[in-house]
């Protein structure tokens, strides 16, 4: 059966991001600003608190509790120093305060779960998106030990508790001004910062890099892999066509570095398959015929072979996730 997937990137593996403001349409956001905070119990070889800032899926800042300093992770964000000399100092102070709140937060949630020891994590993701037509979206999600805990419904200003232990926090935040402040930030302040960062990084953030696509098979008995990499922006559609017709099944949303679809050899009997890749850098979609696939010779490129094997193995864990959209229809 045809399968598709992506190369997973931390920190998105801990939560299934979904926008809880206005519903998404068929298009993807033009620009996105996201922050990921992670707090862990002490006693392991990992910072007790980390913060990562992402613009359009690329990291631009980082902070951890060991260094206790916010630092730039890309050249374009350094331009802000000329307009705001106190920017990094201010970000550092804010994150130092957040670090302390996370330390308390981990202990508080452990009590909600009647836990007194062990390694536990609190994770927090929030951000906003802005489309070409000025449509705005915002979201916030909180996770505990890798599972959903609380999510903000931006339209109502209320919180969705996914486990009973989250109701205490839900009631506390809804009874005060927490919800109002978070909604105001996501709908306004977050968008202002997003636009500011776009101005600083426009040459990088709005570039268009064509995907490099290959269609290959390790040997005649191995799955056929359609693999795309090197594209930017990181939203791409890769799918199969069977005898000229799209295959429809699962859709998903994410932003990743690589995308692939695979076919087992049995699927090729008496059918003509093509791999179709769509990306904003392309004037028209790329169409590769499976019949023209490359079968790797014995002793061929080790990197490609390893990549193919990894891609197939990932399918055990992933099924059509990502802005990568796999379209499949079986039995027709």
Protein backbone atom coordinates (compact mmCIF):
# COMPACT_ATOMS: atom_id res chain seq x y z
CA UNK A 1 0.00 0.00 0.00
CA UNK A 2 1.28 3.52 -0.71
CA UNK A 3 2.61 5.37 2.31
CA UNK A 4 4.07 8.77 2.90
CA UNK A 5 5.87 10.52 5.69
CA UNK A 6 8.43 13.07 6.76
CA UNK A 7 11.63 13.29 8.73
CA UNK A 8 10.53 14.24 12.22
CA UNK A 9 12.07 17.29 13.84
CA UNK A 10 12.07 18.11 17.56
CA UNK A 11 10.42 19.75 19.38
CA UNK A 12 7.16 19.10 17.49
CA UNK A 13 7.15 15.38 18.22
CA UNK A 14 5.68 15.91 21.70
CA UNK A 15 2.41 17.49 20.66
CA UNK A 16 0.10 17.50 17.68
CA UNK A 17 -0.05 21.23 16.87
CA UNK A 18 -3.46 22.48 15.85
CA UNK A 19 -4.74 26.00 15.41
CA UNK A 20 -7.65 26.70 17.73
CA UNK A 21 -8.57 30.12 16.36
CA UNK A 22 -10.10 30.56 12.94
CA UNK A 23 -10.19 27.27 11.01
CA UNK A 24 -7.58 26.70 8.37
CA UNK A 25 -8.51 26.95 4.75
CA UNK A 26 -6.93 25.05 1.91
CA UNK A 27 -3.87 27.31 1.77
CA UNK A 28 -0.95 27.46 4.15
CA UNK A 29 0.11 30.40 6.27
CA UNK A 30 2.50 32.86 4.64
CA UNK A 31 4.48 33.40 7.84
CA UNK A 32 4.46 31.80 11.29
CA UNK A 33 6.04 32.67 14.64
CA UNK A 34 6.29 29.92 17.26
CA UNK A 35 7.86 29.40 20.66
CA UNK A 36 8.50 26.07 22.37
CA UNK A 37 9.24 25.92 26.11
CA UNK A 38 10.23 22.72 27.91
CA UNK A 39 10.68 22.21 31.63
CA UNK A 40 11.97 18.94 33.13
CA UNK A 41 12.53 17.63 36.61
CA UNK A 42 16.16 17.82 37.76
CA UNK A 43 18.52 14.90 37.91
CA UNK A 44 19.19 14.17 34.25
CA UNK A 45 21.84 15.45 31.87
CA UNK A 46 19.50 17.98 30.27
CA UNK A 47 18.73 21.64 31.08
CA UNK A 48 15.78 22.03 33.43
CA UNK A 49 14.33 24.66 31.09
CA UNK A 50 14.80 25.41 27.39
CA UNK A 51 13.15 27.88 25.03
CA UNK A 52 13.27 27.83 21.23
CA UNK A 53 11.92 30.55 18.94
CA UNK A 54 10.98 29.63 15.36
CA UNK A 55 10.14 31.78 12.33
CA UNK A 56 8.58 29.93 9.40
CA UNK A 57 9.85 26.66 10.85
CA UNK A 58 13.44 27.85 11.27
CA UNK A 59 15.09 28.54 14.63
CA UNK A 60 16.08 32.16 15.34
CA UNK A 61 16.68 32.18 19.12
CA UNK A 62 17.53 29.84 21.99
CA UNK A 63 17.71 29.90 25.78
CA UNK A 64 18.47 27.25 28.41
CA UNK A 65 18.69 27.21 32.18
CA UNK A 66 22.37 26.27 32.17
CA UNK A 67 23.54 29.33 30.24
CA UNK A 68 20.67 31.59 31.39
CA UNK A 69 21.01 33.80 28.34
CA UNK A 70 18.87 34.29 25.23
CA UNK A 71 21.02 34.08 22.09
CA UNK A 72 20.43 34.55 18.33
CA UNK A 73 20.57 31.44 16.17
CA UNK A 74 20.43 33.02 12.72
CA UNK A 75 22.12 36.03 11.16
CA UNK A 76 19.04 37.98 10.17
CA UNK A 77 17.73 38.35 13.75
CA UNK A 78 20.96 40.12 14.73
CA UNK A 79 19.77 43.13 12.73
CA UNK A 80 17.41 43.92 15.59
CA UNK A 81 20.38 45.13 17.66
CA UNK A 82 20.53 48.31 15.59
CA UNK A 83 16.93 49.25 16.46
CA UNK A 84 16.64 47.76 19.94
CA UNK A 85 19.92 47.56 21.85
CA UNK A 86 18.15 46.09 24.91
CA UNK A 87 16.34 43.33 22.99
CA UNK A 88 18.47 40.36 24.08
CA UNK A 89 18.81 41.62 27.64
CA UNK A 90 15.04 41.98 27.87
CA UNK A 91 14.42 38.55 26.34
CA UNK A 92 16.90 37.04 28.78
CA UNK A 93 15.15 38.58 31.79
CA UNK A 94 11.73 37.41 30.58
CA UNK A 95 12.94 33.86 30.06
CA UNK A 96 14.72 33.75 33.40
CA UNK A 97 11.36 34.54 35.00
CA UNK A 98 9.63 31.92 32.83
CA UNK A 99 12.24 29.39 33.90
CA UNK A 100 11.31 29.89 37.55
CA UNK A 101 7.59 29.57 36.78
CA UNK A 102 8.21 26.33 34.91
CA UNK A 103 10.15 24.93 37.86
CA UNK A 104 7.11 25.54 40.07
CA UNK A 105 4.76 24.36 37.31
CA UNK A 106 6.41 20.95 37.03
CA UNK A 107 6.02 20.36 40.76
CA UNK A 108 2.42 21.59 40.72
CA UNK A 109 1.32 19.28 37.90
CA UNK A 110 3.12 16.36 39.52
CA UNK A 111 0.89 16.91 42.56
CA UNK A 112 -2.20 16.90 40.33
CA UNK A 113 -1.11 13.44 39.14
CA UNK A 114 -0.17 12.31 42.68
CA UNK A 115 3.46 11.93 41.61
CA UNK A 116 6.31 12.51 44.04
CA UNK A 117 9.31 11.35 42.00
CA UNK A 118 10.48 10.38 38.56
CA UNK A 119 11.42 12.28 35.41
CA UNK A 120 8.61 14.49 34.13
CA UNK A 121 8.24 17.24 31.52
CA UNK A 122 6.02 20.25 31.05
CA UNK A 123 5.89 21.59 27.50
CA UNK A 124 4.36 24.75 26.16
CA UNK A 125 3.88 25.82 22.56
CA UNK A 126 2.33 29.07 21.36
CA UNK A 127 2.43 31.17 18.26
CA UNK A 128 0.64 33.01 15.51
CA UNK A 129 0.33 32.92 11.72
CA UNK A 130 -0.38 35.55 9.09
CA UNK A 131 -1.59 34.82 5.55
CA UNK A 132 -1.22 36.90 2.40
CA UNK A 133 -4.85 38.00 2.76
CA UNK A 134 -4.10 39.23 6.33
CA UNK A 135 -5.96 36.33 7.94
CA UNK A 136 -4.60 35.82 11.46
CA UNK A 137 -4.45 32.72 13.61
CA UNK A 138 -3.13 32.11 17.10
CA UNK A 139 -2.77 29.08 19.33
CA UNK A 140 -1.40 27.86 22.62
CA UNK A 141 -1.00 24.28 23.80
CA UNK A 142 0.37 22.82 27.00
CA UNK A 143 1.63 19.26 27.37
CA UNK A 144 2.71 17.04 30.24
CA UNK A 145 4.94 14.00 29.81
CA UNK A 146 4.48 14.15 26.05
CA UNK A 147 0.67 14.23 26.08
CA UNK A 148 -1.84 17.04 25.59
CA UNK A 149 -2.76 18.80 28.83
CA UNK A 150 -4.45 22.14 28.08
CA UNK A 151 -5.23 23.98 24.83
CA UNK A 152 -6.56 27.49 24.32
CA UNK A 153 -9.70 28.04 22.24
CA UNK A 154 -8.89 31.45 20.84
CA UNK A 155 -12.45 32.15 19.67
CA UNK A 156 -14.02 31.71 23.11
CA UNK A 157 -11.07 32.49 25.37
CA UNK A 158 -11.65 29.20 27.19
CA UNK A 159 -9.38 26.22 27.77
CA UNK A 160 -9.78 22.63 26.62
CA UNK A 161 -8.65 20.19 29.31
CA UNK A 162 -7.72 16.84 27.78
CA UNK A 163 -7.15 15.03 31.08
CA UNK A 164 -8.99 15.35 34.44
CA UNK A 165 -5.82 16.62 36.17
CA UNK A 166 -5.91 19.74 33.94
CA UNK A 167 -9.31 20.97 35.20
CA UNK A 168 -7.78 22.70 38.24
CA UNK A 169 -5.55 24.81 35.99
CA UNK A 170 -8.40 25.40 33.53
CA UNK A 171 -10.66 26.78 36.27
CA UNK A 172 -7.89 28.97 37.68
CA UNK A 173 -7.01 30.52 34.31
CA UNK A 174 -10.63 31.07 33.29
CA UNK A 175 -11.57 32.70 36.59
CA UNK A 176 -8.86 35.35 36.31
CA UNK A 177 -7.39 37.47 33.52
CA UNK A 178 -4.99 34.85 32.16
CA UNK A 179 -7.21 33.94 29.22
CA UNK A 180 -7.89 37.56 28.28
CA UNK A 181 -4.18 38.43 28.33
CA UNK A 182 -3.20 35.41 26.25
CA UNK A 183 -5.88 36.02 23.61
CA UNK A 184 -4.87 39.69 23.36
CA UNK A 185 -1.21 38.74 22.93
CA UNK A 186 -1.82 36.10 20.27
CA UNK A 187 -4.20 38.26 18.23
CA UNK A 188 -2.18 41.46 18.35
CA UNK A 189 1.28 41.54 19.97
CA UNK A 190 2.39 38.23 18.47
CA UNK A 191 1.41 39.41 14.98
CA UNK A 192 3.34 42.67 15.45
CA UNK A 193 6.50 40.75 16.36
CA UNK A 194 5.95 38.35 13.47
CA UNK A 195 5.79 41.27 11.03
CA UNK A 196 8.86 42.85 12.59
CA UNK A 197 10.86 39.64 12.23
CA UNK A 198 9.73 39.27 8.62
CA UNK A 199 11.10 42.75 7.90
CA UNK A 200 14.49 41.75 9.33
CA UNK A 201 14.64 38.37 7.63
CA UNK A 202 12.69 38.91 4.42
CA UNK A 203 15.55 37.91 2.11
CA UNK A 204 15.78 34.56 3.90
CA UNK A 205 12.19 33.95 4.94
CA UNK A 206 10.65 34.74 1.57
CA UNK A 207 13.14 32.92 -0.60
CA UNK A 208 11.98 30.06 -2.82
CA UNK A 209 14.13 26.91 -3.00
CA UNK A 210 13.01 24.23 -5.43
CA UNK A 211 12.72 20.70 -4.02
CA UNK A 212 15.22 18.10 -5.16
CA UNK A 213 13.17 15.04 -6.02
CA UNK A 214 14.39 11.49 -6.63
CA UNK A 215 12.53 8.30 -7.40
CA UNK A 216 14.44 5.14 -6.60
CA UNK A 217 14.42 1.55 -5.39
CA UNK A 218 17.17 -0.19 -3.46
CA UNK A 219 16.54 -3.37 -5.42
CA UNK A 220 13.71 -4.97 -7.38
CA UNK A 221 12.11 -6.41 -4.23
CA UNK A 222 12.27 -3.20 -2.17
CA UNK A 223 9.69 -0.41 -1.87
CA UNK A 224 9.85 2.40 -4.42
CA UNK A 225 10.67 5.69 -2.70
CA UNK A 226 9.73 9.14 -3.99
CA UNK A 227 11.86 11.52 -1.95
CA UNK A 228 11.88 15.34 -1.82
CA UNK A 229 14.36 17.50 0.07
CA UNK A 230 16.01 20.92 0.03
CA UNK A 231 12.77 22.87 -0.41
CA UNK A 232 11.79 26.19 1.14
CA UNK A 233 9.25 27.21 2.35
CA UNK A 234 8.80 23.96 4.22
CA UNK A 235 5.24 23.37 3.06
CA UNK A 236 5.16 20.77 0.30
CA UNK A 237 2.66 18.33 -1.16
CA UNK A 238 3.87 14.93 -2.32
CA UNK A 239 1.41 12.30 -3.51
CA UNK A 240 0.85 9.31 -5.77
CA UNK A 241 -1.28 9.07 -8.87
CA UNK A 242 -2.52 5.66 -10.01
CA UNK A 243 -3.34 5.34 -13.69
CA UNK A 244 -3.63 9.12 -13.88
CA UNK A 245 -5.98 9.50 -10.90
CA UNK A 246 -5.18 11.00 -7.49
CA UNK A 247 -5.20 8.61 -4.56
CA UNK A 248 -7.09 10.09 -1.63
CA UNK A 249 -7.00 9.15 2.01
CA UNK A 250 -5.20 10.73 4.96
CA UNK A 251 -4.23 14.38 5.18
CA UNK A 252 -2.02 16.04 7.78
CA UNK A 253 -0.27 19.29 8.62
CA UNK A 254 3.29 19.93 9.73
CA UNK A 255 6.44 21.57 8.45
CA UNK A 256 9.45 19.38 7.93
CA UNK A 257 12.80 19.15 6.16
CA UNK A 258 12.18 16.09 4.01
CA UNK A 259 9.18 14.34 2.48
CA UNK A 260 8.72 10.93 0.95
CA UNK A 261 6.14 8.47 -0.35
CA UNK A 262 6.70 4.75 -0.84
CA UNK A 263 5.10 1.94 -2.86
CA UNK A 264 5.60 -1.76 -2.24
CA UNK A 265 6.49 -3.71 -5.40
CA UNK A 266 3.11 -5.51 -5.42
CA UNK A 267 1.37 -2.20 -6.05
CA UNK A 268 3.15 -1.82 -9.38
CA UNK A 269 1.54 -4.84 -11.02
CA UNK A 270 -0.85 -3.86 -13.85
CA UNK A 271 -0.88 -0.19 -12.73
CA UNK A 272 0.96 2.94 -13.79
CA UNK A 273 2.03 5.09 -10.84
CA UNK A 274 3.45 8.62 -10.86
CA UNK A 275 4.81 10.69 -7.98
CA UNK A 276 3.51 14.26 -7.93
CA UNK A 277 5.29 17.05 -6.03
CA UNK A 278 3.79 20.51 -5.56
CA UNK A 279 5.65 23.45 -4.00
CA UNK A 280 5.40 27.24 -4.09
CA UNK A 281 8.78 27.50 -5.85
CA UNK A 282 7.47 25.54 -8.84
CA UNK A 283 5.57 27.07 -11.76
CA UNK A 284 3.91 23.69 -12.26
CA UNK A 285 3.91 20.42 -10.36
CA UNK A 286 6.71 17.91 -10.80
CA UNK A 287 5.56 14.54 -12.12
CA UNK A 288 7.89 11.51 -11.99
CA UNK A 289 6.94 8.21 -13.57
CA UNK A 290 7.56 5.19 -11.38
CA UNK A 291 8.48 3.25 -14.51
CA UNK A 292 11.53 5.52 -14.82
CA UNK A 293 12.71 4.95 -11.27
CA UNK A 294 16.35 4.32 -10.54
CA UNK A 295 17.32 0.95 -9.08
CA UNK A 296 20.43 1.40 -7.01
CA UNK A 297 23.35 -0.79 -8.05
CA UNK A 298 25.07 -3.08 -5.57
CA UNK A 299 27.71 -0.97 -3.84
CA UNK A 300 25.94 2.21 -4.92
CA UNK A 301 25.72 5.45 -2.98
CA UNK A 302 25.70 4.56 0.70
CA UNK A 303 24.00 7.82 1.61
CA UNK A 304 21.09 7.21 -0.72
CA UNK A 305 20.70 3.61 0.40
CA UNK A 306 20.72 4.59 4.06
CA UNK A 307 18.23 7.35 3.31
CA UNK A 308 15.92 4.88 1.60
CA UNK A 309 16.12 2.42 4.48
CA UNK A 310 15.49 5.16 7.05
CA UNK A 311 12.54 6.41 5.03
CA UNK A 312 10.97 2.97 4.98
CA UNK A 313 11.61 2.38 8.68
CA UNK A 314 10.03 5.71 9.55
CA UNK A 315 6.81 4.46 8.03
CA UNK A 316 6.42 2.16 11.01
CA UNK A 317 5.98 5.30 13.13
CA UNK A 318 4.49 7.77 10.67
CA UNK A 319 1.58 7.68 8.26
CA UNK A 320 1.02 10.72 6.09
CA UNK A 321 1.90 13.52 8.49
CA UNK A 322 3.15 16.94 7.64
CA UNK A 323 2.28 19.70 5.23
CA UNK A 324 3.29 16.70 3.23
CA UNK A 325 -0.09 15.39 2.07
CA UNK A 326 -0.38 11.82 0.84
CA UNK A 327 -3.38 11.00 -1.27
CA UNK A 328 -4.46 7.39 -1.52
CA UNK A 329 -7.48 5.37 -2.58
CA UNK A 330 -7.44 1.60 -2.31
CA UNK A 331 -9.39 -1.02 -4.20
CA UNK A 332 -9.97 1.15 -7.28
